[in-house]
Amino acid sequence: MKSRINRAVSRAKYAAIGAAIGAGVGGLLGRNTASTGGAIGGLVGAIVGEKSLGVKERVESVRSRDE
């Protein structure tokens, strides 16, 4: 259960950061592109968050085997 919560929080964090960056960059061009940039940035952020958490979990499992 704890890993599911960690995964959801990680994805949400990265998605929020990605959406903010995407909306900021898109906002330089116009209102519609800000919306699209935010959506695409959120999607990319969620994907990065998922991959990042997977790597962290693998590192933790290797560390726990060594001890």
PDB file of N, CA and C in Angstrom:
ATOM      1  N   MET A   1       0.819  -1.189   0.000  1.00  0.00           N
ATOM      2  CA  MET A   1       0.000   0.000   0.000  1.00  0.00           C
ATOM      3  C   MET A   1       0.867   1.259   0.000  1.00  0.00           C
ATOM      4  N   LYS A   2       1.944   1.212   0.794  1.00  0.00           N
ATOM      5  CA  LYS A   2       2.822   2.374   0.888  1.00  0.00           C
ATOM      6  C   LYS A   2       3.466   2.690  -0.456  1.00  0.00           C
ATOM      7  N   SER A   3       3.841   1.646  -1.210  1.00  0.00           N
ATOM      8  CA  SER A   3       4.472   1.892  -2.508  1.00  0.00           C
ATOM      9  C   SER A   3       3.484   2.506  -3.503  1.00  0.00           C
ATOM     10  N   ARG A   4       2.220   2.136  -3.400  1.00  0.00           N
ATOM     11  CA  ARG A   4       1.207   2.735  -4.284  1.00  0.00           C
ATOM     12  C   ARG A   4       1.037   4.222  -3.999  1.00  0.00           C
ATOM     13  N   ILE A   5       1.033   4.560  -2.718  1.00  0.00           N
ATOM     14  CA  ILE A   5       0.889   5.971  -2.341  1.00  0.00           C
ATOM     15  C   ILE A   5       2.116   6.751  -2.782  1.00  0.00           C
ATOM     16  N   ASN A   6       3.305   6.187  -2.560  1.00  0.00           N
ATOM     17  CA  ASN A   6       4.538   6.857  -3.000  1.00  0.00           C
ATOM     18  C   ASN A   6       4.552   7.059  -4.506  1.00  0.00           C
ATOM     19  N   ARG A   7       4.105   6.055  -5.247  1.00  0.00           N
ATOM     20  CA  ARG A   7       4.082   6.158  -6.705  1.00  0.00           C
ATOM     21  C   ARG A   7       3.115   7.256  -7.155  1.00  0.00           C
ATOM     22  N   ALA A   8       1.943   7.318  -6.530  1.00  0.00           N
ATOM     23  CA  ALA A   8       0.948   8.330  -6.906  1.00  0.00           C
ATOM     24  C   ALA A   8       1.447   9.737  -6.583  1.00  0.00           C
ATOM     25  N   VAL A   9       2.067   9.898  -5.415  1.00  0.00           N
ATOM     26  CA  VAL A   9       2.576  11.209  -5.030  1.00  0.00           C
ATOM     27  C   VAL A   9       3.719  11.632  -5.946  1.00  0.00           C
ATOM     28  N   SER A  10       4.584  10.692  -6.285  1.00  0.00           N
ATOM     29  CA  SER A  10       5.701  11.010  -7.177  1.00  0.00           C
ATOM     30  C   SER A  10       5.197  11.454  -8.547  1.00  0.00           C
ATOM     31  N   ARG A  11       4.255  10.704  -9.090  1.00  0.00           N
ATOM     32  CA  ARG A  11       3.698  11.083 -10.392  1.00  0.00           C
ATOM     33  C   ARG A  11       3.023  12.436 -10.330  1.00  0.00           C
ATOM     34  N   ALA A  12       2.286  12.685  -9.260  1.00  0.00           N
ATOM     35  CA  ALA A  12       1.571  13.956  -9.121  1.00  0.00           C
ATOM     36  C   ALA A  12       2.541  15.131  -9.031  1.00  0.00           C
ATOM     37  N   LYS A  13       3.633  14.946  -8.280  1.00  0.00           N
ATOM     38  CA  LYS A  13       4.634  16.009  -8.153  1.00  0.00           C
ATOM     39  C   LYS A  13       5.256  16.352  -9.498  1.00  0.00           C
ATOM     40  N   TYR A  14       5.720  15.325 -10.190  1.00  0.00           N
ATOM     41  CA  TYR A  14       6.344  15.553 -11.485  1.00  0.00           C
ATOM     42  C   TYR A  14       5.352  16.084 -12.517  1.00  0.00           C
ATOM     43  N   ALA A  15       4.101  15.615 -12.450  1.00  0.00           N
ATOM     44  CA  ALA A  15       3.080  16.093 -13.378  1.00  0.00           C
ATOM     45  C   ALA A  15       2.786  17.572 -13.150  1.00  0.00           C
ATOM     46  N   ALA A  16       2.727  17.982 -11.881  1.00  0.00           N
ATOM     47  CA  ALA A  16       2.460  19.391 -11.576  1.00  0.00           C
ATOM     48  C   ALA A  16       3.611  20.279 -12.059  1.00  0.00           C
ATOM     49  N   ILE A  17       4.818  19.836 -11.838  1.00  0.00           N
ATOM     50  CA  ILE A  17       5.980  20.610 -12.297  1.00  0.00           C
ATOM     51  C   ILE A  17       6.000  20.678 -13.825  1.00  0.00           C
ATOM     52  N   GLY A  18       5.750  19.541 -14.465  1.00  0.00           N
ATOM     53  CA  GLY A  18       5.726  19.512 -15.932  1.00  0.00           C
ATOM     54  C   GLY A  18       4.632  20.387 -16.503  1.00  0.00           C
ATOM     55  N   ALA A  19       3.467  20.379 -15.872  1.00  0.00           N
ATOM     56  CA  ALA A  19       2.357  21.206 -16.344  1.00  0.00           C
ATOM     57  C   ALA A  19       2.677  22.688 -16.199  1.00  0.00           C
ATOM     58  N   ALA A  20       3.305  23.047 -15.088  1.00  0.00           N
ATOM     59  CA  ALA A  20       3.657  24.457 -14.881  1.00  0.00           C
ATOM     60  C   ALA A  20       4.681  24.925 -15.907  1.00  0.00           C
ATOM     61  N   ILE A  21       5.674  24.106 -16.162  1.00  0.00           N
ATOM     62  CA  ILE A  21       6.693  24.473 -17.157  1.00  0.00           C
ATOM     63  C   ILE A  21       6.074  24.546 -18.548  1.00  0.00           C
ATOM     64  N   GLY A  22       5.259  23.541 -18.890  1.00  0.00           N
ATOM     65  CA  GLY A  22       4.616  23.538 -20.205  1.00  0.00           C
ATOM     66  C   GLY A  22       3.693  24.724 -20.407  1.00  0.00           C
ATOM     67  N   ALA A  23       2.930  25.068 -19.381  1.00  0.00           N
ATOM     68  CA  ALA A  23       2.022  26.209 -19.478  1.00  0.00           C
ATOM     69  C   ALA A  23       2.805  27.519 -19.578  1.00  0.00           C
ATOM     70  N   GLY A  24       3.909  27.599 -18.847  1.00  0.00           N
ATOM     71  CA  GLY A  24       4.734  28.811 -18.915  1.00  0.00           C
ATOM     72  C   GLY A  24       5.335  29.023 -20.286  1.00  0.00           C
ATOM     73  N   VAL A  25       5.860  27.956 -20.854  1.00  0.00           N
ATOM     74  CA  VAL A  25       6.450  28.060 -22.197  1.00  0.00           C
ATOM     75  C   VAL A  25       5.358  28.337 -23.221  1.00  0.00           C
ATOM     76  N   GLY A  26       4.240  27.631 -23.114  1.00  0.00           N
ATOM     77  CA  GLY A  26       3.136  27.859 -24.046  1.00  0.00           C
ATOM     78  C   GLY A  26       2.534  29.237 -23.900  1.00  0.00           C
ATOM     79  N   GLY A  27       2.551  29.764 -22.682  1.00  0.00           N
ATOM     80  CA  GLY A  27       1.998  31.096 -22.437  1.00  0.00           C
ATOM     81  C   GLY A  27       2.760  32.200 -23.148  1.00  0.00           C
ATOM     82  N   LEU A  28       3.985  31.931 -23.493  1.00  0.00           N
ATOM     83  CA  LEU A  28       4.753  32.923 -24.253  1.00  0.00           C
ATOM     84  C   LEU A  28       4.177  33.122 -25.652  1.00  0.00           C
ATOM     85  N   LEU A  29       3.498  32.099 -26.155  1.00  0.00           N
ATOM     86  CA  LEU A  29       2.949  32.168 -27.511  1.00  0.00           C
ATOM     87  C   LEU A  29       1.470  32.557 -27.546  1.00  0.00           C
ATOM     88  N   GLY A  30       0.717  32.164 -26.528  1.00  0.00           N
ATOM     89  CA  GLY A  30      -0.707  32.514 -26.530  1.00  0.00           C
ATOM     90  C   GLY A  30      -1.473  31.712 -25.500  1.00  0.00           C
ATOM     91  N   ARG A  31      -2.749  32.058 -25.360  1.00  0.00           N
ATOM     92  CA  ARG A  31      -3.584  31.418 -24.348  1.00  0.00           C
ATOM     93  C   ARG A  31      -3.860  29.953 -24.673  1.00  0.00           C
ATOM     94  N   ASN A  32      -4.167  29.669 -25.910  1.00  0.00           N
ATOM     95  CA  ASN A  32      -4.449  28.278 -26.287  1.00  0.00           C
ATOM     96  C   ASN A  32      -3.217  27.398 -26.180  1.00  0.00           C
ATOM     97  N   THR A  33      -2.079  27.932 -26.551  1.00  0.00           N
ATOM     98  CA  THR A  33      -0.863  27.130 -26.466  1.00  0.00           C
ATOM     99  C   THR A  33      -0.447  26.922 -25.009  1.00  0.00           C
ATOM    100  N   ALA A  34      -0.819  27.824 -24.123  1.00  0.00           N
ATOM    101  CA  ALA A  34      -0.540  27.628 -22.698  1.00  0.00           C
ATOM    102  C   ALA A  34      -1.317  26.430 -22.174  1.00  0.00           C
ATOM    103  N   SER A  35      -2.552  26.310 -22.591  1.00  0.00           N
ATOM    104  CA  SER A  35      -3.379  25.186 -22.167  1.00  0.00           C
ATOM    105  C   SER A  35      -2.823  23.870 -22.707  1.00  0.00           C
ATOM    106  N   THR A  36      -2.491  23.862 -23.971  1.00  0.00           N
ATOM    107  CA  THR A  36      -1.937  22.664 -24.587  1.00  0.00           C
ATOM    108  C   THR A  36      -0.578  22.315 -23.973  1.00  0.00           C
ATOM    109  N   GLY A  37       0.247  23.313 -23.775  1.00  0.00           N
ATOM    110  CA  GLY A  37       1.559  23.086 -23.164  1.00  0.00           C
ATOM    111  C   GLY A  37       1.440  22.531 -21.760  1.00  0.00           C
ATOM    112  N   GLY A  38       0.474  23.017 -21.009  1.00  0.00           N
ATOM    113  CA  GLY A  38       0.252  22.497 -19.660  1.00  0.00           C
ATOM    114  C   GLY A  38      -0.172  21.038 -19.675  1.00  0.00           C
ATOM    115  N   ALA A  39      -1.053  20.691 -20.593  1.00  0.00           N
ATOM    116  CA  ALA A  39      -1.513  19.298 -20.691  1.00  0.00           C
ATOM    117  C   ALA A  39      -0.386  18.367 -21.108  1.00  0.00           C
ATOM    118  N   ILE A  40       0.366  18.760 -22.105  1.00  0.00           N
ATOM    119  CA  ILE A  40       1.488  17.926 -22.569  1.00  0.00           C
ATOM    120  C   ILE A  40       2.570  17.848 -21.489  1.00  0.00           C
ATOM    121  N   GLY A  41       2.856  18.966 -20.841  1.00  0.00           N
ATOM    122  CA  GLY A  41       3.845  18.974 -19.768  1.00  0.00           C
ATOM    123  C   GLY A  41       3.436  18.085 -18.604  1.00  0.00           C
ATOM    124  N   GLY A  42       2.158  18.081 -18.271  1.00  0.00           N
ATOM    125  CA  GLY A  42       1.665  17.211 -17.208  1.00  0.00           C
ATOM    126  C   GLY A  42       1.819  15.743 -17.551  1.00  0.00           C
ATOM    127  N   LEU A  43       1.541  15.392 -18.789  1.00  0.00           N
ATOM    128  CA  LEU A  43       1.701  14.014 -19.237  1.00  0.00           C
ATOM    129  C   LEU A  43       3.159  13.584 -19.190  1.00  0.00           C
ATOM    130  N   VAL A  44       4.030  14.427 -19.701  1.00  0.00           N
ATOM    131  CA  VAL A  44       5.462  14.114 -19.682  1.00  0.00           C
ATOM    132  C   VAL A  44       5.961  14.023 -18.236  1.00  0.00           C
ATOM    133  N   GLY A  45       5.509  14.916 -17.388  1.00  0.00           N
ATOM    134  CA  GLY A  45       5.904  14.887 -15.990  1.00  0.00           C
ATOM    135  C   GLY A  45       5.471  13.608 -15.284  1.00  0.00           C
ATOM    136  N   ALA A  46       4.275  13.145 -15.577  1.00  0.00           N
ATOM    137  CA  ALA A  46       3.794  11.899 -14.974  1.00  0.00           C
ATOM    138  C   ALA A  46       4.623  10.705 -15.428  1.00  0.00           C
ATOM    139  N   ILE A  47       5.002  10.699 -16.684  1.00  0.00           N
ATOM    140  CA  ILE A  47       5.840   9.612 -17.207  1.00  0.00           C
ATOM    141  C   ILE A  47       7.210   9.641 -16.540  1.00  0.00           C
ATOM    142  N   VAL A  48       7.795  10.828 -16.424  1.00  0.00           N
ATOM    143  CA  VAL A  48       9.098  10.952 -15.763  1.00  0.00           C
ATOM    144  C   VAL A  48       8.996  10.528 -14.305  1.00  0.00           C
ATOM    145  N   GLY A  49       7.931  10.910 -13.624  1.00  0.00           N
ATOM    146  CA  GLY A  49       7.735  10.518 -12.239  1.00  0.00           C
ATOM    147  C   GLY A  49       7.637   9.016 -12.065  1.00  0.00           C
ATOM    148  N   GLU A  50       6.954   8.359 -12.971  1.00  0.00           N
ATOM    149  CA  GLU A  50       6.821   6.902 -12.915  1.00  0.00           C
ATOM    150  C   GLU A  50       8.179   6.226 -13.108  1.00  0.00           C
ATOM    151  N   LYS A  51       8.940   6.694 -14.081  1.00  0.00           N
ATOM    152  CA  LYS A  51      10.261   6.102 -14.348  1.00  0.00           C
ATOM    153  C   LYS A  51      11.220   6.383 -13.207  1.00  0.00           C
ATOM    154  N   SER A  52      11.174   7.574 -12.649  1.00  0.00           N
ATOM    155  CA  SER A  52      12.064   7.953 -11.558  1.00  0.00           C
ATOM    156  C   SER A  52      11.809   7.104 -10.327  1.00  0.00           C
ATOM    157  N   LEU A  53      10.554   6.861 -10.009  1.00  0.00           N
ATOM    158  CA  LEU A  53      10.217   6.063  -8.836  1.00  0.00           C
ATOM    159  C   LEU A  53      10.668   4.623  -9.030  1.00  0.00           C
ATOM    160  N   GLY A  54      10.560   4.108 -10.239  1.00  0.00           N
ATOM    161  CA  GLY A  54      11.009   2.742 -10.517  1.00  0.00           C
ATOM    162  C   GLY A  54      12.498   2.584 -10.273  1.00  0.00           C
ATOM    163  N   VAL A  55      13.268   3.566 -10.669  1.00  0.00           N
ATOM    164  CA  VAL A  55      14.710   3.526 -10.458  1.00  0.00           C
ATOM    165  C   VAL A  55      15.018   3.605  -8.963  1.00  0.00           C
ATOM    166  N   LYS A  56      14.335   4.492  -8.254  1.00  0.00           N
ATOM    167  CA  LYS A  56      14.567   4.622  -6.810  1.00  0.00           C
ATOM    168  C   LYS A  56      14.252   3.326  -6.070  1.00  0.00           C
ATOM    169  N   GLU A  57      13.169   2.656  -6.454  1.00  0.00           N
ATOM    170  CA  GLU A  57      12.807   1.397  -5.805  1.00  0.00           C
ATOM    171  C   GLU A  57      13.858   0.327  -6.051  1.00  0.00           C
ATOM    172  N   ARG A  58      14.411   0.285  -7.259  1.00  0.00           N
ATOM    173  CA  ARG A  58      15.447  -0.708  -7.565  1.00  0.00           C
ATOM    174  C   ARG A  58      16.716  -0.449  -6.779  1.00  0.00           C
ATOM    175  N   VAL A  59      17.091   0.816  -6.651  1.00  0.00           N
ATOM    176  CA  VAL A  59      18.280   1.160  -5.867  1.00  0.00           C
ATOM    177  C   VAL A  59      18.086   0.771  -4.412  1.00  0.00           C
ATOM    178  N   GLU A  60      16.904   1.039  -3.875  1.00  0.00           N
ATOM    179  CA  GLU A  60      16.611   0.675  -2.486  1.00  0.00           C
ATOM    180  C   GLU A  60      16.683  -0.836  -2.289  1.00  0.00           C
ATOM    181  N   SER A  61      16.171  -1.614  -3.241  1.00  0.00           N
ATOM    182  CA  SER A  61      16.201  -3.071  -3.093  1.00  0.00           C
ATOM    183  C   SER A  61      17.628  -3.607  -3.142  1.00  0.00           C
ATOM    184  N   VAL A  62      18.477  -3.017  -3.968  1.00  0.00           N
ATOM    185  CA  VAL A  62      19.876  -3.436  -4.023  1.00  0.00           C
ATOM    186  C   VAL A  62      20.575  -3.087  -2.713  1.00  0.00           C
ATOM    187  N   ARG A  63      20.319  -1.924  -2.171  1.00  0.00           N
ATOM    188  CA  ARG A  63      20.917  -1.530  -0.904  1.00  0.00           C
ATOM    189  C   ARG A  63      20.491  -2.447   0.238  1.00  0.00           C
ATOM    190  N   SER A  64      19.220  -2.839   0.250  1.00  0.00           N
ATOM    191  CA  SER A  64      18.743  -3.683   1.331  1.00  0.00           C
ATOM    192  C   SER A  64      19.322  -5.107   1.232  1.00  0.00           C
ATOM    193  N   ARG A  65      19.670  -5.564   0.047  1.00  0.00           N
ATOM    194  CA  ARG A  65      20.299  -6.884  -0.108  1.00  0.00           C
ATOM    195  C   ARG A  65      21.712  -6.892   0.443  1.00  0.00           C
ATOM    196  N   ASP A  66      22.404  -5.769   0.287  1.00  0.00           N
ATOM    197  CA  ASP A  66      23.796  -5.683   0.736  1.00  0.00           C
ATOM    198  C   ASP A  66      23.916  -5.678   2.246  1.00  0.00           C
ATOM    199  N   GLU A  67      22.907  -5.249   2.929  1.00  0.00           N
ATOM    200  CA  GLU A  67      22.991  -5.122   4.401  1.00  0.00           C
ATOM    201  C   GLU A  67      22.676  -6.386   5.106  1.00  0.00           C
TER     202      GLU A  67
END
